[in-house]
Amino acid sequence: MSAMVTEGRGAPSGVPAAELAVTASVMADGLADVSVAPDEVLLAAVRDLEAARRSLDSAMLSLTGEIDARSLTMRVDGLSTQAWVGHQLGVSRPVAHSRLAVARKLRRTLPGTEQALRDGVISFEHARLLCRLAVGRIEDIVVELESRLIEMAAGVRFERWANEVRAMVDAADPDGGFTPGPEHDRLLMSDGLSDEVHIEIDLHGATAAAAKAMLLAALERRYDAHRKLANADDEHVTPGRGALLAEGFMELLRRGHSAGVGTRAPVTDVTMVIHASDPVNGHTPDGVRLQDDTTRLLMCSAAIHAVVVNSLGVPVDMGHLVRFFTPAQQRAIRARDGGCGHTGCDAPVSWTQIHHVDEVARDHGETNISMGILGCPVHHALWHEPGWSLTPDLTDETQGFIITTPTGKQLRSQRHGRPRPIIDATATDTTATENIEPDTTD
């Protein structure tokens, strides 16, 4: 195998992305047993694959930018471009957000950077940094220095290049180094594999300074508390800085949550889902199993609302004849849907509202959980737009809905971010009900 590119350089300009994808696939197949490949072949193959990746990244960003400019995904599937990318490609929210942000900036502002990525001169990481710098009053400066900043990437490790780029942009700014304001603050939150939550926060300016000061003060309080425990008990181990910061962060959240007038102590309102077939273990409405120690801790410090569901995940219908959903019904719907019910949307429970599908019945006072569905603000508003409709899905027993778009396309509502299982409610044999727990309710 011969290398397509030389060390330190990317793919040749003009090589189609599809051709590079085929080449990359052939190389991967040819190196199925890398343990017997010669040294020079391994090194060349890695460079070739990186060249193919950069060209494919460029093609992906170009296509994503065009799809976004046409608002194509909203017209076809009722999803924003970011949500569609996450749903169709199976990537995380931060990755989808990053790809779309870079695609928009390259399309509108930095065509030279897009070309450099296509030619393999820079990587996606280089392009993303230039796009993040090209904001506010220094956008014109980054555009003016674009070609020079790209040239500086040749033969230099990314971290050193990034520092040099920031220094050059700051030096070229006549008003001094640019500091993004609060409008650039962001917080990304995603669930882990167990019952953990991953939080990434970017703060700027005065907000960053205030947050840092509060966290450091909270860290000191937590350290002093552990030091007192260590003085009283020689076996007590004081956590490290990261764990102390996490404790301080939770302390600040609890204080803020309990700051209302008349609140005596921090109380967290938690809905815990109990499956009828597994009454011992609790789950969050998002389907994450709670560890035994987590459940016991919540019992001590939180207001627990248990929702019992059957094997299909359907809570028992409250059947109350009221205009609005009662708090108990709201908890049941949130536990059942586990997030926005629109196909492909990844909005969690905390971002959603309950959409009443049968508005006529609601106006006459009847409100059952079988006629409610969770919708994020975007899709809740979309379902009220002309041409959109939701009707109960009569093909199964999961209290799902058929979402019809203005073009006539029909989507099956989702449950906990996943397609609902197809269960024929009209089947008379045992194949459709063999996994359904018998109804033992009175």
Protein backbone atom coordinates (compact mmCIF):
# COMPACT_ATOMS: atom_id res chain seq x y z
CA MET A 1 0.00 0.00 0.00
CA SER A 2 1.35 3.42 -0.88
CA ALA A 3 0.54 6.56 1.06
CA MET A 4 -1.77 9.08 -0.59
CA VAL A 5 -0.29 12.06 1.24
CA THR A 6 3.04 13.06 2.68
CA GLU A 7 3.62 13.54 6.38
CA GLY A 8 2.18 16.78 7.75
CA ARG A 9 -0.11 17.40 4.80
CA GLY A 10 -3.72 16.54 4.05
CA ALA A 11 -5.65 15.24 1.08
CA PRO A 12 -4.93 16.60 -2.41
CA SER A 13 -7.24 19.41 -3.42
CA GLY A 14 -10.14 18.35 -5.59
CA VAL A 15 -10.34 14.70 -4.52
CA PRO A 16 -14.06 13.90 -4.18
CA ALA A 17 -15.21 13.03 -0.67
CA ALA A 18 -16.98 9.90 -1.95
CA GLU A 19 -13.73 8.66 -3.52
CA LEU A 20 -11.87 9.26 -0.30
CA ALA A 21 -14.56 7.42 1.65
CA VAL A 22 -14.16 4.39 -0.63
CA THR A 23 -10.38 4.59 -0.31
CA ALA A 24 -10.66 4.77 3.48
CA SER A 25 -12.98 1.76 3.51
CA VAL A 26 -10.57 -0.26 1.33
CA MET A 27 -7.66 0.66 3.58
CA ALA A 28 -9.58 -0.35 6.69
CA ASP A 29 -10.44 -3.72 5.12
CA GLY A 30 -6.87 -4.23 3.98
CA LEU A 31 -5.58 -3.61 7.48
CA ALA A 32 -7.96 -6.00 9.22
CA ASP A 33 -4.93 -7.67 10.82
CA VAL A 34 -2.77 -4.70 11.74
CA SER A 35 -0.42 -6.87 13.77
CA VAL A 36 1.28 -8.12 10.59
CA ALA A 37 1.38 -4.80 8.70
CA PRO A 38 4.83 -3.25 8.10
CA ASP A 39 5.71 -0.14 10.11
CA GLU A 40 5.72 2.20 7.11
CA VAL A 41 2.31 0.93 5.98
CA LEU A 42 0.76 1.61 9.39
CA LEU A 43 2.11 5.16 9.50
CA ALA A 44 1.04 5.91 5.93
CA ALA A 45 -2.42 4.42 6.49
CA VAL A 46 -3.08 6.63 9.50
CA ARG A 47 -2.14 9.74 7.51
CA ASP A 48 -4.29 8.62 4.59
CA LEU A 49 -7.29 7.99 6.81
CA GLU A 50 -6.89 11.40 8.46
CA ALA A 51 -6.81 13.02 5.00
CA ALA A 52 -10.03 11.20 4.11
CA ARG A 53 -11.61 12.24 7.41
CA ARG A 54 -10.84 15.92 6.79
CA SER A 55 -12.32 15.85 3.30
CA LEU A 56 -15.42 14.04 4.57
CA ASP A 57 -15.74 16.54 7.44
CA SER A 58 -15.70 19.34 4.89
CA ALA A 59 -18.38 17.65 2.80
CA MET A 60 -20.52 16.98 5.88
CA LEU A 61 -20.31 20.61 7.02
CA SER A 62 -21.12 21.90 3.53
CA LEU A 63 -24.20 19.67 3.26
CA THR A 64 -25.32 20.45 6.81
CA GLY A 65 -25.01 24.19 6.16
CA GLU A 66 -27.11 23.94 3.00
CA ILE A 67 -29.79 21.83 4.75
CA ASP A 68 -29.91 24.40 7.56
CA ALA A 69 -30.13 27.34 5.15
CA ARG A 70 -33.14 25.74 3.47
CA SER A 71 -34.85 24.87 6.80
CA LEU A 72 -35.26 21.49 5.15
CA THR A 73 -35.46 19.32 8.26
CA MET A 74 -38.19 21.45 9.84
CA ARG A 75 -40.32 21.26 6.69
CA VAL A 76 -39.85 17.51 6.25
CA ASP A 77 -39.73 16.13 9.81
CA GLY A 78 -40.60 19.05 12.07
CA LEU A 79 -37.12 19.02 13.60
CA SER A 80 -34.48 21.73 13.83
CA THR A 81 -31.28 20.95 11.95
CA GLN A 82 -29.45 20.20 15.19
CA ALA A 83 -32.17 17.86 16.44
CA TRP A 84 -32.37 16.12 13.06
CA VAL A 85 -28.61 15.54 12.99
CA GLY A 86 -28.72 14.07 16.49
CA HIS A 87 -31.66 11.83 15.64
CA GLN A 88 -30.61 10.63 12.19
CA LEU A 89 -26.87 10.29 12.84
CA GLY A 90 -27.04 9.19 16.48
CA VAL A 91 -24.59 11.82 17.77
CA SER A 92 -24.77 13.60 21.11
CA ARG A 93 -26.32 17.04 21.56
CA PRO A 94 -22.92 18.78 22.07
CA VAL A 95 -21.53 17.18 18.89
CA ALA A 96 -24.60 18.11 16.84
CA HIS A 97 -24.48 21.67 18.22
CA SER A 98 -20.78 21.99 17.42
CA ARG A 99 -21.15 20.69 13.86
CA LEU A 100 -24.02 23.02 13.08
CA ALA A 101 -22.31 26.07 14.59
CA VAL A 102 -19.17 25.44 12.51
CA ALA A 103 -21.20 24.74 9.36
CA ARG A 104 -23.06 28.04 9.68
CA LYS A 105 -19.90 30.07 10.33
CA LEU A 106 -17.95 28.48 7.47
CA ARG A 107 -20.84 29.05 5.08
CA ARG A 108 -21.39 32.69 6.00
CA THR A 109 -18.02 34.02 7.13
CA LEU A 110 -14.96 31.78 6.67
CA PRO A 111 -14.92 30.19 3.19
CA GLY A 112 -11.13 30.04 3.24
CA THR A 113 -11.23 27.88 6.34
CA GLU A 114 -13.74 25.57 4.66
CA GLN A 115 -11.41 25.21 1.66
CA ALA A 116 -8.42 24.52 3.91
CA LEU A 117 -10.38 21.77 5.65
CA ARG A 118 -11.39 20.30 2.28
CA ASP A 119 -7.75 20.32 1.17
CA GLY A 120 -6.67 18.60 4.38
CA VAL A 121 -4.47 21.50 5.46
CA ILE A 122 -6.31 21.83 8.78
CA SER A 123 -8.54 19.58 10.85
CA PHE A 124 -12.08 20.06 12.14
CA GLU A 125 -10.59 21.19 15.47
CA HIS A 126 -8.71 23.99 13.73
CA ALA A 127 -11.84 25.09 11.89
CA ARG A 128 -13.93 25.00 15.06
CA LEU A 129 -11.50 27.25 16.95
CA LEU A 130 -11.44 29.84 14.15
CA CYS A 131 -15.25 29.78 14.05
CA ARG A 132 -15.50 30.29 17.82
CA LEU A 133 -13.07 33.24 17.63
CA ALA A 134 -14.92 34.92 14.75
CA VAL A 135 -17.62 36.52 16.90
CA GLY A 136 -18.51 40.03 18.03
CA ARG A 137 -16.30 42.93 17.16
CA ILE A 138 -13.27 40.76 16.30
CA GLU A 139 -15.06 38.80 13.59
CA ASP A 140 -13.67 41.15 10.91
CA ILE A 141 -10.17 40.74 12.39
CA VAL A 142 -10.34 36.94 12.15
CA VAL A 143 -11.64 37.19 8.58
CA GLU A 144 -8.78 39.53 7.63
CA LEU A 145 -6.18 37.24 9.24
CA GLU A 146 -7.82 34.01 8.08
CA SER A 147 -5.21 32.94 5.51
CA ARG A 148 -2.33 33.79 7.85
CA LEU A 149 -3.88 31.89 10.74
CA ILE A 150 -4.32 28.84 8.51
CA GLU A 151 -0.71 28.98 7.36
CA MET A 152 0.45 29.04 10.98
CA ALA A 153 -1.02 25.55 11.50
CA ALA A 154 1.57 23.85 9.28
CA GLY A 155 3.84 21.51 11.25
CA VAL A 156 2.69 22.80 14.66
CA ARG A 157 0.87 20.94 17.41
CA PHE A 158 -2.73 22.11 17.76
CA GLU A 159 -2.35 23.45 21.33
CA ARG A 160 0.62 25.68 20.43
CA TRP A 161 -1.13 26.91 17.28
CA ALA A 162 -4.29 27.72 19.26
CA ASN A 163 -2.32 29.83 21.75
CA GLU A 164 -0.52 31.67 18.95
CA VAL A 165 -3.78 32.35 17.13
CA ARG A 166 -5.43 33.80 20.22
CA ALA A 167 -2.40 35.99 20.90
CA MET A 168 -2.33 37.30 17.31
CA VAL A 169 -6.04 38.10 17.32
CA ASP A 170 -5.75 39.89 20.66
CA ALA A 171 -2.78 41.91 19.39
CA ALA A 172 -4.68 42.93 16.26
CA ASP A 173 -7.70 44.09 18.25
CA PRO A 174 -7.39 47.89 18.66
CA ASP A 175 -9.66 47.81 21.69
CA GLY A 176 -7.66 45.15 23.46
CA GLY A 177 -8.34 41.45 23.92
CA PHE A 178 -11.95 40.54 23.16
CA THR A 179 -13.89 38.95 25.99
CA PRO A 180 -17.26 37.44 25.02
CA GLY A 181 -20.19 38.69 27.08
CA PRO A 182 -23.06 36.87 28.80
CA GLU A 183 -24.77 36.34 25.44
CA HIS A 184 -22.13 33.67 24.75
CA ASP A 185 -22.70 31.79 28.03
CA ARG A 186 -23.95 28.25 27.66
CA LEU A 187 -24.60 25.12 29.70
CA LEU A 188 -24.80 21.64 28.19
CA MET A 189 -26.26 18.78 30.23
CA SER A 190 -26.48 15.11 29.28
CA ASP A 191 -27.14 11.80 31.05
CA GLY A 192 -24.38 9.27 31.61
CA LEU A 193 -24.55 5.49 31.47
CA SER A 194 -25.78 5.11 35.04
CA ASP A 195 -27.46 7.72 37.23
CA GLU A 196 -24.83 10.42 36.67
CA VAL A 197 -25.31 13.71 34.84
CA HIS A 198 -22.58 15.39 32.77
CA ILE A 199 -22.61 19.20 32.89
CA GLU A 200 -20.41 21.47 30.78
CA ILE A 201 -20.58 25.22 31.47
CA ASP A 202 -18.99 28.10 29.56
CA LEU A 203 -19.25 31.48 31.28
CA HIS A 204 -17.70 34.82 30.36
CA GLY A 205 -16.89 38.19 31.85
CA ALA A 206 -18.55 39.22 35.08
CA THR A 207 -20.69 36.10 35.09
CA ALA A 208 -17.58 33.92 34.97
CA ALA A 209 -15.91 35.89 37.75
CA ALA A 210 -18.96 35.73 40.00
CA ALA A 211 -19.48 32.02 39.41
CA LYS A 212 -15.82 31.26 40.08
CA ALA A 213 -15.87 33.28 43.30
CA MET A 214 -19.01 31.54 44.54
CA LEU A 215 -17.68 28.08 43.68
CA LEU A 216 -14.34 28.75 45.36
CA ALA A 217 -16.09 30.03 48.47
CA ALA A 218 -18.29 26.95 48.51
CA LEU A 219 -15.20 24.78 48.03
CA GLU A 220 -13.58 26.35 51.08
CA ARG A 221 -16.71 25.72 53.15
CA ARG A 222 -16.79 22.09 52.09
CA TYR A 223 -13.07 21.71 52.81
CA ASP A 224 -13.48 23.20 56.30
CA ALA A 225 -16.40 20.85 56.97
CA HIS A 226 -14.36 17.80 55.96
CA ARG A 227 -11.36 19.00 57.92
CA LYS A 228 -13.48 19.18 61.07
CA LEU A 229 -14.69 15.65 60.41
CA ALA A 230 -11.11 14.50 59.90
CA ASN A 231 -10.05 16.05 63.21
CA ALA A 232 -12.84 14.19 64.97
CA ASP A 233 -12.31 10.91 63.11
CA ASP A 234 -8.85 9.81 62.02
CA GLU A 235 -10.34 7.48 59.39
CA HIS A 236 -12.26 10.21 57.58
CA VAL A 237 -10.79 10.93 54.13
CA THR A 238 -11.10 14.46 52.77
CA PRO A 239 -12.18 14.37 49.09
CA GLY A 240 -10.03 15.84 46.34
CA ARG A 241 -10.54 19.23 44.75
CA GLY A 242 -12.85 17.95 42.02
CA ALA A 243 -15.15 16.21 44.48
CA LEU A 244 -15.14 19.27 46.77
CA LEU A 245 -16.10 21.51 43.85
CA ALA A 246 -18.96 19.15 43.02
CA GLU A 247 -20.15 19.32 46.64
CA GLY A 248 -19.90 23.12 46.55
CA PHE A 249 -21.82 23.25 43.28
CA MET A 250 -24.65 21.19 44.78
CA GLU A 251 -24.63 23.38 47.89
CA LEU A 252 -25.14 26.47 45.74
CA LEU A 253 -27.93 24.80 43.80
CA ARG A 254 -29.73 23.75 46.97
CA ARG A 255 -29.42 27.21 48.47
CA GLY A 256 -30.78 28.82 45.34
CA HIS A 257 -33.62 26.31 45.09
CA SER A 258 -34.65 26.87 48.70
CA ALA A 259 -34.33 30.67 48.66
CA GLY A 260 -38.07 31.17 48.38
CA VAL A 261 -39.97 32.85 51.22
CA GLY A 262 -41.02 30.39 53.89
CA THR A 263 -38.79 27.55 52.68
CA ARG A 264 -37.19 25.87 55.69
CA ALA A 265 -34.86 23.38 54.01
CA PRO A 266 -33.78 22.34 50.52
CA VAL A 267 -36.31 19.91 49.08
CA THR A 268 -36.03 18.30 45.66
CA ASP A 269 -39.23 17.25 43.90
CA VAL A 270 -38.51 13.84 42.36
CA THR A 271 -40.70 11.49 40.36
CA MET A 272 -39.56 7.87 40.78
CA VAL A 273 -40.94 5.30 38.35
CA ILE A 274 -41.68 1.83 39.75
CA HIS A 275 -42.30 -0.97 37.25
CA ALA A 276 -44.99 -3.43 38.31
CA SER A 277 -42.74 -6.36 37.35
CA ASP A 278 -39.80 -4.95 39.34
CA PRO A 279 -41.22 -3.17 42.40
CA VAL A 280 -37.89 -3.09 44.26
CA ASN A 281 -35.90 -0.84 41.94
CA GLY A 282 -36.67 2.78 41.08
CA HIS A 283 -35.99 4.66 37.86
CA THR A 284 -36.00 8.30 36.80
CA PRO A 285 -38.63 9.40 34.24
CA ASP A 286 -35.81 9.24 31.67
CA GLY A 287 -35.43 5.51 32.31
CA VAL A 288 -32.16 5.65 34.26
CA ARG A 289 -32.06 3.05 37.02
CA LEU A 290 -31.38 4.58 40.41
CA GLN A 291 -28.74 2.92 42.53
CA ASP A 292 -29.92 1.61 45.89
CA ASP A 293 -27.96 4.23 47.83
CA THR A 294 -29.30 6.98 45.54
CA THR A 295 -32.88 5.89 46.19
CA ARG A 296 -32.36 5.87 49.96
CA LEU A 297 -30.76 9.34 49.83
CA LEU A 298 -33.67 10.75 47.86
CA MET A 299 -36.08 9.27 50.38
CA CYS A 300 -34.35 11.31 53.09
CA SER A 301 -34.13 14.67 51.32
CA ALA A 302 -36.67 14.78 48.50
CA ALA A 303 -40.40 14.76 47.92
CA ILE A 304 -40.91 11.41 46.18
CA HIS A 305 -43.84 10.80 43.83
CA ALA A 306 -44.04 7.13 42.82
CA VAL A 307 -45.68 6.28 39.50
CA VAL A 308 -46.45 2.59 38.90
CA VAL A 309 -46.41 1.54 35.23
CA ASN A 310 -47.13 -1.76 33.51
CA SER A 311 -44.82 -3.67 31.15
CA LEU A 312 -45.67 -1.26 28.31
CA GLY A 313 -44.69 1.75 30.39
CA VAL A 314 -48.29 2.97 30.58
CA PRO A 315 -49.45 4.41 33.94
CA VAL A 316 -52.91 3.59 35.22
CA ASP A 317 -55.39 6.13 33.82
CA MET A 318 -56.57 8.53 36.52
CA GLY A 319 -59.85 9.15 34.71
CA HIS A 320 -60.57 12.41 36.52
CA LEU A 321 -63.13 14.62 34.78
CA VAL A 322 -61.25 17.91 35.14
CA ARG A 323 -60.32 20.57 32.63
CA PHE A 324 -56.59 20.56 33.40
CA PHE A 325 -54.24 17.71 34.15
CA THR A 326 -53.89 17.16 37.87
CA PRO A 327 -50.39 17.09 39.39
CA ALA A 328 -50.65 13.30 39.66
CA GLN A 329 -51.61 13.01 35.98
CA GLN A 330 -48.77 15.32 34.98
CA ARG A 331 -46.29 13.12 36.85
CA ALA A 332 -47.73 10.04 35.15
CA ILE A 333 -47.41 11.55 31.65
CA ARG A 334 -43.86 12.68 32.31
CA ALA A 335 -42.94 9.23 33.59
CA ARG A 336 -44.57 7.59 30.57
CA ASP A 337 -43.10 9.81 27.82
CA GLY A 338 -39.72 10.62 29.37
CA GLY A 339 -39.16 13.65 27.15
CA CYS A 340 -40.57 15.29 24.04
CA GLY A 341 -42.81 12.91 22.11
CA HIS A 342 -41.94 14.28 18.65
CA THR A 343 -39.98 11.75 16.64
CA GLY A 344 -36.26 12.51 16.78
CA CYS A 345 -36.41 15.27 19.42
CA ASP A 346 -34.00 14.86 22.34
CA ALA A 347 -35.54 17.43 24.69
CA PRO A 348 -35.62 16.00 28.25
CA VAL A 349 -38.61 16.00 30.58
CA SER A 350 -37.56 19.25 32.25
CA TRP A 351 -37.91 21.15 28.93
CA THR A 352 -41.39 19.92 28.07
CA GLN A 353 -45.01 20.94 28.44
CA ILE A 354 -48.10 18.73 28.25
CA HIS A 355 -50.03 19.06 25.01
CA HIS A 356 -53.73 18.22 25.24
CA VAL A 357 -54.50 16.33 22.04
CA ASP A 358 -58.30 16.38 22.37
CA GLU A 359 -59.03 20.09 22.79
CA VAL A 360 -62.80 19.57 22.44
CA ALA A 361 -62.84 17.10 25.32
CA ARG A 362 -60.64 19.42 27.33
CA ASP A 363 -63.03 22.31 26.85
CA HIS A 364 -65.86 20.13 28.14
CA GLY A 365 -63.81 19.23 31.20
CA GLU A 366 -62.63 15.66 30.50
CA THR A 367 -58.90 15.22 30.80
CA ASN A 368 -57.32 11.75 30.70
CA ILE A 369 -53.62 10.96 30.52
CA SER A 370 -54.22 8.93 27.35
CA MET A 371 -54.93 12.24 25.58
CA GLY A 372 -51.79 14.04 26.77
CA ILE A 373 -48.30 14.05 25.28
CA LEU A 374 -45.11 15.83 26.30
CA GLY A 375 -43.81 18.42 23.87
CA CYS A 376 -40.82 20.76 24.05
CA PRO A 377 -41.65 24.47 23.46
CA VAL A 378 -40.71 24.18 19.78
CA HIS A 379 -42.83 21.12 19.01
CA HIS A 380 -45.69 22.08 21.33
CA ALA A 381 -46.04 25.28 19.30
CA LEU A 382 -45.53 23.39 16.04
CA TRP A 383 -48.41 20.99 16.80
CA HIS A 384 -50.73 24.00 17.03
CA GLU A 385 -49.67 25.26 13.59
CA PRO A 386 -52.05 24.79 10.62
CA GLY A 387 -51.54 21.46 8.89
CA TRP A 388 -50.12 19.62 11.90
CA SER A 389 -52.29 17.10 13.75
CA LEU A 390 -51.99 14.42 16.42
CA THR A 391 -54.33 11.45 16.65
CA PRO A 392 -54.24 8.43 18.97
CA ASP A 393 -52.34 5.50 17.49
CA LEU A 394 -54.94 2.72 17.46
CA THR A 395 -52.46 0.09 16.29
CA ASP A 396 -51.09 -0.53 19.77
CA GLU A 397 -51.79 -0.11 23.47
CA THR A 398 -48.95 2.22 24.44
CA GLN A 399 -51.00 5.43 24.52
CA GLY A 400 -49.02 6.76 21.58
CA PHE A 401 -49.95 9.15 18.79
CA ILE A 402 -49.65 9.54 15.03
CA ILE A 403 -48.16 12.93 14.12
CA THR A 404 -49.21 14.13 10.66
CA THR A 405 -47.17 16.87 9.00
CA PRO A 406 -48.52 19.49 6.56
CA THR A 407 -47.12 17.37 3.69
CA GLY A 408 -49.14 14.35 4.83
CA LYS A 409 -46.15 12.45 6.21
CA GLN A 410 -47.04 10.43 9.30
CA LEU A 411 -44.68 9.97 12.23
CA ARG A 412 -45.13 7.68 15.22
CA SER A 413 -44.59 9.53 18.49
CA GLN A 414 -41.64 8.36 20.52
CA ARG A 415 -41.20 7.33 24.14
CA HIS A 416 -38.08 8.19 26.18
CA GLY A 417 -36.32 9.26 22.98
CA ARG A 418 -36.90 5.87 21.31
CA PRO A 419 -39.48 4.58 18.82
CA ARG A 420 -42.48 3.01 20.53
CA PRO A 421 -42.77 -0.78 20.23
CA ILE A 422 -45.36 -1.88 17.70
CA ILE A 423 -47.95 -4.01 19.48
CA ASP A 424 -51.15 -4.95 17.68
CA ALA A 425 -54.05 -4.18 19.98
CA THR A 426 -56.49 -6.13 17.78
CA ALA A 427 -54.52 -9.39 17.77
CA THR A 428 -56.33 -12.30 19.35
CA ASP A 429 -53.47 -14.77 19.64
CA THR A 430 -50.86 -14.75 22.38
CA THR A 431 -48.00 -13.38 20.29
CA ALA A 432 -49.01 -9.79 20.93
CA THR A 433 -49.58 -10.19 24.63
CA GLU A 434 -47.12 -12.79 25.80
CA ASN A 435 -44.86 -10.15 27.38
CA ILE A 436 -47.67 -8.11 28.92
CA GLU A 437 -48.20 -8.40 32.65
CA PRO A 438 -51.73 -9.40 33.66
CA ASP A 439 -53.87 -6.53 34.90
CA THR A 440 -54.33 -6.99 38.63
CA THR A 441 -55.78 -3.55 39.36
CA ASP A 442 -59.19 -3.28 40.92
